Structure formats: structure tokens, C-alpha cells
Amino acid sequence: PGIIGIVIIKEPTGAYYGGEIAAPLFQKIMKRVLPYLGILPEQEEWVTVRVS
């Protein structure tokens, strides 16, 4: 792989799980890193929907 990334949230507080906090941060990081490798975002935007 060209890059490897991991976001670890140690002991999140409140009613959150690590993935709920780490995923948006990972997304922000990748949006800035991937263009350096020539990987550009697609035209359509993905929407995150919370289901319960």
C-alpha cells in the first residue's frame, strides 16, 4: 500500500464508541492525503446516515 493510516481514540468519554469519533477524523485526514497520491474524490458525495 502507498499509505497506511490509523486513528485511535483512547477512552472516549460520553455515550460514544471509538469509531463514531475516529471515522470522521480519519475521513478528514484521507481527504487531504489521497490527492498527493493522485487519488481524487469522485464527483458524487457520500452521505453518512445514522440508523438505530
C-alpha atoms as a PDB file:
ATOM      1  CA  PRO A   1       0.000   0.000   0.000  1.00  0.00           C
ATOM      2  CA  GLY A   2       1.032   3.568  -0.623  1.00  0.00           C
ATOM      3  CA  ILE A   3      -0.125   4.726   2.787  1.00  0.00           C
ATOM      4  CA  ILE A   4      -1.383   3.218   5.984  1.00  0.00           C
ATOM      5  CA  GLY A   5      -3.419   5.185   8.494  1.00  0.00           C
ATOM      6  CA  ILE A   6      -4.942   4.545  11.869  1.00  0.00           C
ATOM      7  CA  VAL A   7      -6.806   6.788  14.282  1.00  0.00           C
ATOM      8  CA  ILE A   8      -7.042   5.610  17.870  1.00  0.00           C
ATOM      9  CA  ILE A   9      -9.295   7.286  20.399  1.00  0.00           C
ATOM     10  CA  LYS A  10      -8.197   6.266  23.853  1.00  0.00           C
ATOM     11  CA  GLU A  11     -11.013   6.141  26.394  1.00  0.00           C
ATOM     12  CA  PRO A  12     -13.679   8.245  24.663  1.00  0.00           C
ATOM     13  CA  THR A  13     -15.981   9.993  27.089  1.00  0.00           C
ATOM     14  CA  GLY A  14     -19.746  10.184  26.928  1.00  0.00           C
ATOM     15  CA  ALA A  15     -22.059   7.835  25.075  1.00  0.00           C
ATOM     16  CA  TYR A  16     -19.677   7.363  22.144  1.00  0.00           C
ATOM     17  CA  TYR A  17     -17.737   4.476  20.725  1.00  0.00           C
ATOM     18  CA  GLY A  18     -14.271   4.947  19.274  1.00  0.00           C
ATOM     19  CA  GLY A  19     -15.453   4.505  15.688  1.00  0.00           C
ATOM     20  CA  GLU A  20     -18.007   7.293  15.976  1.00  0.00           C
ATOM     21  CA  ILE A  21     -15.236   9.702  16.876  1.00  0.00           C
ATOM     22  CA  ALA A  22     -12.361   8.221  14.851  1.00  0.00           C
ATOM     23  CA  ALA A  23     -14.150   7.743  11.499  1.00  0.00           C
ATOM     24  CA  PRO A  24     -14.833  11.453  10.797  1.00  0.00           C
ATOM     25  CA  LEU A  25     -11.261  12.322  11.752  1.00  0.00           C
ATOM     26  CA  PHE A  26      -9.879   9.559   9.503  1.00  0.00           C
ATOM     27  CA  GLN A  27     -12.044  10.863   6.654  1.00  0.00           C
ATOM     28  CA  LYS A  28     -10.689  14.395   7.053  1.00  0.00           C
ATOM     29  CA  ILE A  29      -7.104  13.124   7.062  1.00  0.00           C
ATOM     30  CA  MET A  30      -7.606  10.950   3.971  1.00  0.00           C
ATOM     31  CA  LYS A  31      -9.287  13.783   2.046  1.00  0.00           C
ATOM     32  CA  ARG A  32      -6.042  15.724   2.401  1.00  0.00           C
ATOM     33  CA  VAL A  33      -3.579  12.846   1.943  1.00  0.00           C
ATOM     34  CA  LEU A  34      -5.045  10.948  -1.030  1.00  0.00           C
ATOM     35  CA  PRO A  35      -4.730  13.785  -3.584  1.00  0.00           C
ATOM     36  CA  TYR A  36      -0.949  13.666  -3.061  1.00  0.00           C
ATOM     37  CA  LEU A  37      -1.075  10.115  -4.447  1.00  0.00           C
ATOM     38  CA  GLY A  38      -3.203  11.172  -7.404  1.00  0.00           C
ATOM     39  CA  ILE A  39      -6.376   9.688  -5.916  1.00  0.00           C
ATOM     40  CA  LEU A  40      -9.043  12.321  -6.357  1.00  0.00           C
ATOM     41  CA  PRO A  41     -12.584  12.238  -4.963  1.00  0.00           C
ATOM     42  CA  GLU A  42     -15.413  11.113  -7.199  1.00  0.00           C
ATOM     43  CA  GLN A  43     -17.984  13.660  -8.279  1.00  0.00           C
ATOM     44  CA  GLU A  44     -20.789  12.302  -6.136  1.00  0.00           C
ATOM     45  CA  GLU A  45     -20.602  12.854  -2.403  1.00  0.00           C
ATOM     46  CA  TRP A  46     -21.321  10.047   0.012  1.00  0.00           C
ATOM     47  CA  VAL A  47     -23.696  10.864   2.819  1.00  0.00           C
ATOM     48  CA  THR A  48     -23.393   9.275   6.244  1.00  0.00           C
ATOM     49  CA  VAL A  49     -26.738   8.304   7.701  1.00  0.00           C
ATOM     50  CA  ARG A  50     -27.108   7.205  11.302  1.00  0.00           C
ATOM     51  CA  VAL A  51     -29.565   4.363  11.813  1.00  0.00           C
ATOM     52  CA  SER A  52     -30.680   2.910  15.088  1.00  0.00           C
END
